[in-house]
Amino acid sequence: MSASLVEATRELCDDLDSFIEIAKQGRAPMRAVCLIERARADLQAYLDEIDQAEVRRAWSGLG
């Protein structure tokens, strides 16, 4: 994944965090909030995988 796509995904996570707070304050249906939170968690897990892969790649290049 290119650096610009990773950055865009990070920005999307930030936007989802804001949206979750707005939805909670606006008393949105719990199911909707849960779905948004799940999407946010899935994106974060994907970003974590990318970060781990980059670290492994950096360490393998040192040997």
C-alpha atoms as a PDB file:
ATOM      1  CA  MET A   1       0.000   0.000   0.000  1.00  0.00           C
ATOM      2  CA  SER A   2       1.415   3.371  -0.916  1.00  0.00           C
ATOM      3  CA  ALA A   3       2.233   5.950   1.733  1.00  0.00           C
ATOM      4  CA  SER A   4      -0.522   8.251   0.498  1.00  0.00           C
ATOM      5  CA  LEU A   5      -3.132   5.503   0.824  1.00  0.00           C
ATOM      6  CA  VAL A   6      -1.927   4.672   4.333  1.00  0.00           C
ATOM      7  CA  GLU A   7      -2.171   8.332   5.293  1.00  0.00           C
ATOM      8  CA  ALA A   8      -5.652   8.596   3.788  1.00  0.00           C
ATOM      9  CA  THR A   9      -6.706   5.518   5.768  1.00  0.00           C
ATOM     10  CA  ARG A  10      -5.342   7.074   8.967  1.00  0.00           C
ATOM     11  CA  GLU A  11      -7.329  10.245   8.231  1.00  0.00           C
ATOM     12  CA  LEU A  12     -10.433   8.137   7.642  1.00  0.00           C
ATOM     13  CA  CYS A  13      -9.931   6.541  11.065  1.00  0.00           C
ATOM     14  CA  ASP A  14      -9.766  10.014  12.612  1.00  0.00           C
ATOM     15  CA  ASP A  15     -12.940  11.003  10.782  1.00  0.00           C
ATOM     16  CA  LEU A  16     -14.694   7.848  11.978  1.00  0.00           C
ATOM     17  CA  ASP A  17     -13.635   8.610  15.563  1.00  0.00           C
ATOM     18  CA  SER A  18     -15.261  12.036  15.261  1.00  0.00           C
ATOM     19  CA  PHE A  19     -18.350  10.571  13.647  1.00  0.00           C
ATOM     20  CA  ILE A  20     -18.675   7.990  16.430  1.00  0.00           C
ATOM     21  CA  GLU A  21     -18.633  10.729  19.050  1.00  0.00           C
ATOM     22  CA  ILE A  22     -21.217  12.774  17.158  1.00  0.00           C
ATOM     23  CA  ALA A  23     -23.421   9.702  16.737  1.00  0.00           C
ATOM     24  CA  LYS A  24     -23.216   8.922  20.453  1.00  0.00           C
ATOM     25  CA  GLN A  25     -24.009  12.509  21.449  1.00  0.00           C
ATOM     26  CA  GLY A  26     -26.894  12.593  19.000  1.00  0.00           C
ATOM     27  CA  ARG A  27     -28.240   9.380  20.476  1.00  0.00           C
ATOM     28  CA  ALA A  28     -27.981   7.477  17.214  1.00  0.00           C
ATOM     29  CA  PRO A  29     -29.250   3.902  17.240  1.00  0.00           C
ATOM     30  CA  MET A  30     -26.799   1.633  19.043  1.00  0.00           C
ATOM     31  CA  ARG A  31     -26.626  -0.718  16.067  1.00  0.00           C
ATOM     32  CA  ALA A  32     -25.431   2.121  13.827  1.00  0.00           C
ATOM     33  CA  VAL A  33     -22.792   3.193  16.350  1.00  0.00           C
ATOM     34  CA  CYS A  34     -21.602  -0.405  16.700  1.00  0.00           C
ATOM     35  CA  LEU A  35     -21.262  -0.786  12.934  1.00  0.00           C
ATOM     36  CA  ILE A  36     -19.209   2.395  12.682  1.00  0.00           C
ATOM     37  CA  GLU A  37     -17.030   1.309  15.608  1.00  0.00           C
ATOM     38  CA  ARG A  38     -16.486  -2.067  13.946  1.00  0.00           C
ATOM     39  CA  ALA A  39     -15.455  -0.436  10.666  1.00  0.00           C
ATOM     40  CA  ARG A  40     -13.037   1.774  12.596  1.00  0.00           C
ATOM     41  CA  ALA A  41     -11.551  -1.226  14.424  1.00  0.00           C
ATOM     42  CA  ASP A  42     -11.156  -3.160  11.161  1.00  0.00           C
ATOM     43  CA  LEU A  43      -9.327  -0.249   9.554  1.00  0.00           C
ATOM     44  CA  GLN A  44      -7.053   0.076  12.574  1.00  0.00           C
ATOM     45  CA  ALA A  45      -6.255  -3.640  12.495  1.00  0.00           C
ATOM     46  CA  TYR A  46      -5.364  -3.307   8.812  1.00  0.00           C
ATOM     47  CA  LEU A  47      -3.095  -0.335   9.536  1.00  0.00           C
ATOM     48  CA  ASP A  48      -1.444  -2.281  12.367  1.00  0.00           C
ATOM     49  CA  GLU A  49      -0.721  -5.152   9.970  1.00  0.00           C
ATOM     50  CA  ILE A  50       0.852  -2.746   7.494  1.00  0.00           C
ATOM     51  CA  ASP A  51       2.990  -1.178  10.238  1.00  0.00           C
ATOM     52  CA  GLN A  52       4.167  -4.594  11.435  1.00  0.00           C
ATOM     53  CA  ALA A  53       5.045  -5.638   7.899  1.00  0.00           C
ATOM     54  CA  GLU A  54       7.092  -2.467   7.441  1.00  0.00           C
ATOM     55  CA  VAL A  55       8.967  -3.094  10.694  1.00  0.00           C
ATOM     56  CA  ARG A  56       9.723  -6.695   9.685  1.00  0.00           C
ATOM     57  CA  ARG A  57      10.923  -5.520   6.296  1.00  0.00           C
ATOM     58  CA  ALA A  58      13.190  -2.907   7.905  1.00  0.00           C
ATOM     59  CA  TRP A  59      14.666  -5.455  10.306  1.00  0.00           C
ATOM     60  CA  SER A  60      15.235  -7.998   7.541  1.00  0.00           C
ATOM     61  CA  GLY A  61      17.165  -5.401   5.558  1.00  0.00           C
ATOM     62  CA  LEU A  62      19.599  -4.939   8.457  1.00  0.00           C
ATOM     63  CA  GLY A  63      20.820  -8.540   8.399  1.00  0.00           C
END
